Amino acid sequence: MFDEVISNDFEVFIARPGEKFKDRMMEDADDGQARTEEVLVLCATHIGLIKRVPVGTVWEKGKKQKIMVLKAKVLLESFLNTVLED
């Protein structure tokens, strides 16, 4: 029974290299600060976790809302600039 809850309600995700940084889904592993400028992901360091919960009534079967449980941690391309400057 427990395996059914995990497989049906949770979704693991990972940020892909070259993808745009999304503050609502990702966290900068280098400093943890939110980014306002458009930056790209260099690589993922940790996976993220989303929980899917039913929305509405039983009659709206199949509709689910996604809730962020754990943001994926990433290194951004800007991280290379700080490493190369040092």
C-alpha atoms as a PDB file:
ATOM      1  CA  MET A   1       0.000   0.000   0.000  1.00  0.00           C
ATOM      2  CA  PHE A   2       2.790   2.469   0.878  1.00  0.00           C
ATOM      3  CA  ASP A   3       4.474   1.970  -2.522  1.00  0.00           C
ATOM      4  CA  GLU A   4       1.252   2.995  -4.281  1.00  0.00           C
ATOM      5  CA  VAL A   5       1.130   6.282  -2.380  1.00  0.00           C
ATOM      6  CA  ILE A   6       4.744   7.102  -3.266  1.00  0.00           C
ATOM      7  CA  SER A   7       4.472   6.183  -6.940  1.00  0.00           C
ATOM      8  CA  ASN A   8       1.134   7.933  -7.443  1.00  0.00           C
ATOM      9  CA  ASP A   9       1.603  11.085  -5.417  1.00  0.00           C
ATOM     10  CA  PHE A  10       5.253  12.105  -5.794  1.00  0.00           C
ATOM     11  CA  GLU A  11       7.408  13.006  -8.767  1.00  0.00           C
ATOM     12  CA  VAL A  12      11.191  13.345  -8.735  1.00  0.00           C
ATOM     13  CA  PHE A  13      12.729  15.858 -11.131  1.00  0.00           C
ATOM     14  CA  ILE A  14      16.153  17.130 -12.067  1.00  0.00           C
ATOM     15  CA  ALA A  15      17.208  20.389 -13.712  1.00  0.00           C
ATOM     16  CA  ARG A  16      18.888  19.928 -17.086  1.00  0.00           C
ATOM     17  CA  PRO A  17      22.086  21.695 -18.213  1.00  0.00           C
ATOM     18  CA  GLY A  18      21.313  24.719 -20.392  1.00  0.00           C
ATOM     19  CA  GLU A  19      17.801  25.094 -18.963  1.00  0.00           C
ATOM     20  CA  LYS A  20      16.713  28.530 -17.715  1.00  0.00           C
ATOM     21  CA  PHE A  21      16.874  28.946 -13.923  1.00  0.00           C
ATOM     22  CA  LYS A  22      13.379  28.852 -12.384  1.00  0.00           C
ATOM     23  CA  ASP A  23      13.283  30.219  -8.846  1.00  0.00           C
ATOM     24  CA  ARG A  24      10.034  28.428  -7.981  1.00  0.00           C
ATOM     25  CA  MET A  25      11.573  25.023  -8.809  1.00  0.00           C
ATOM     26  CA  MET A  26      15.328  25.470  -8.288  1.00  0.00           C
ATOM     27  CA  GLU A  27      17.801  26.718  -5.705  1.00  0.00           C
ATOM     28  CA  ASP A  28      21.334  27.950  -6.432  1.00  0.00           C
ATOM     29  CA  ALA A  29      23.620  25.468  -4.626  1.00  0.00           C
ATOM     30  CA  ASP A  30      26.495  27.987  -4.672  1.00  0.00           C
ATOM     31  CA  ASP A  31      24.853  30.703  -2.595  1.00  0.00           C
ATOM     32  CA  GLY A  32      21.135  29.952  -2.340  1.00  0.00           C
ATOM     33  CA  GLN A  33      20.115  33.450  -3.463  1.00  0.00           C
ATOM     34  CA  ALA A  34      17.209  33.945  -5.847  1.00  0.00           C
ATOM     35  CA  ARG A  35      18.183  35.196  -9.304  1.00  0.00           C
ATOM     36  CA  THR A  36      16.277  37.926 -11.111  1.00  0.00           C
ATOM     37  CA  GLU A  37      18.321  37.967 -14.325  1.00  0.00           C
ATOM     38  CA  GLU A  38      17.960  35.200 -16.864  1.00  0.00           C
ATOM     39  CA  VAL A  39      20.685  32.639 -16.147  1.00  0.00           C
ATOM     40  CA  LEU A  40      21.243  29.082 -17.311  1.00  0.00           C
ATOM     41  CA  VAL A  41      21.791  25.894 -15.340  1.00  0.00           C
ATOM     42  CA  LEU A  42      25.318  24.471 -15.554  1.00  0.00           C
ATOM     43  CA  CYS A  43      24.460  21.200 -13.771  1.00  0.00           C
ATOM     44  CA  ALA A  44      22.222  19.741 -11.086  1.00  0.00           C
ATOM     45  CA  THR A  45      23.646  18.908  -7.658  1.00  0.00           C
ATOM     46  CA  HIS A  46      20.474  17.587  -5.960  1.00  0.00           C
ATOM     47  CA  ILE A  47      17.144  16.256  -7.216  1.00  0.00           C
ATOM     48  CA  GLY A  48      13.818  17.961  -6.537  1.00  0.00           C
ATOM     49  CA  LEU A  49      10.504  16.517  -5.368  1.00  0.00           C
ATOM     50  CA  ILE A  50       6.947  17.449  -6.375  1.00  0.00           C
ATOM     51  CA  LYS A  51       3.757  16.184  -4.731  1.00  0.00           C
ATOM     52  CA  ARG A  52       0.671  15.759  -6.868  1.00  0.00           C
ATOM     53  CA  VAL A  53      -2.639  16.250  -5.049  1.00  0.00           C
ATOM     54  CA  PRO A  54      -6.169  15.831  -6.413  1.00  0.00           C
ATOM     55  CA  VAL A  55      -8.062  19.009  -7.264  1.00  0.00           C
ATOM     56  CA  GLY A  56     -11.820  19.480  -6.978  1.00  0.00           C
ATOM     57  CA  THR A  57     -14.332  16.688  -6.591  1.00  0.00           C
ATOM     58  CA  VAL A  58     -14.279  12.994  -7.310  1.00  0.00           C
ATOM     59  CA  TRP A  59     -16.060  13.763 -10.616  1.00  0.00           C
ATOM     60  CA  GLU A  60     -12.982  15.652 -11.871  1.00  0.00           C
ATOM     61  CA  LYS A  61     -10.943  12.455 -11.858  1.00  0.00           C
ATOM     62  CA  GLY A  62      -7.390  12.780 -13.152  1.00  0.00           C
ATOM     63  CA  LYS A  63      -6.908  16.476 -12.402  1.00  0.00           C
ATOM     64  CA  LYS A  64      -4.021  17.112 -10.034  1.00  0.00           C
ATOM     65  CA  GLN A  65      -2.235  20.152  -8.641  1.00  0.00           C
ATOM     66  CA  LYS A  66       1.557  20.055  -8.256  1.00  0.00           C
ATOM     67  CA  ILE A  67       3.074  21.278  -4.994  1.00  0.00           C
ATOM     68  CA  MET A  68       6.822  21.848  -4.663  1.00  0.00           C
ATOM     69  CA  VAL A  69       8.118  19.778  -1.739  1.00  0.00           C
ATOM     70  CA  LEU A  70      11.861  20.132  -2.355  1.00  0.00           C
ATOM     71  CA  LYS A  71      13.558  22.431  -4.876  1.00  0.00           C
ATOM     72  CA  ALA A  72      16.269  20.956  -7.099  1.00  0.00           C
ATOM     73  CA  LYS A  73      19.701  22.422  -6.299  1.00  0.00           C
ATOM     74  CA  VAL A  74      21.785  23.567  -9.245  1.00  0.00           C
ATOM     75  CA  LEU A  75      25.029  25.284 -10.141  1.00  0.00           C
ATOM     76  CA  LEU A  76      24.551  28.144 -12.561  1.00  0.00           C
ATOM     77  CA  GLU A  77      26.752  29.090 -15.510  1.00  0.00           C
ATOM     78  CA  SER A  78      27.642  32.271 -13.592  1.00  0.00           C
ATOM     79  CA  PHE A  79      29.411  29.985 -11.076  1.00  0.00           C
ATOM     80  CA  LEU A  80      32.149  29.413 -13.695  1.00  0.00           C
ATOM     81  CA  ASN A  81      32.814  33.165 -13.864  1.00  0.00           C
ATOM     82  CA  THR A  82      33.460  33.348 -10.112  1.00  0.00           C
ATOM     83  CA  VAL A  83      35.753  30.302 -10.202  1.00  0.00           C
ATOM     84  CA  LEU A  84      37.743  31.597 -13.162  1.00  0.00           C
ATOM     85  CA  GLU A  85      38.141  35.072 -11.607  1.00  0.00           C
ATOM     86  CA  ASP A  86      39.757  33.635  -8.448  1.00  0.00           C
END
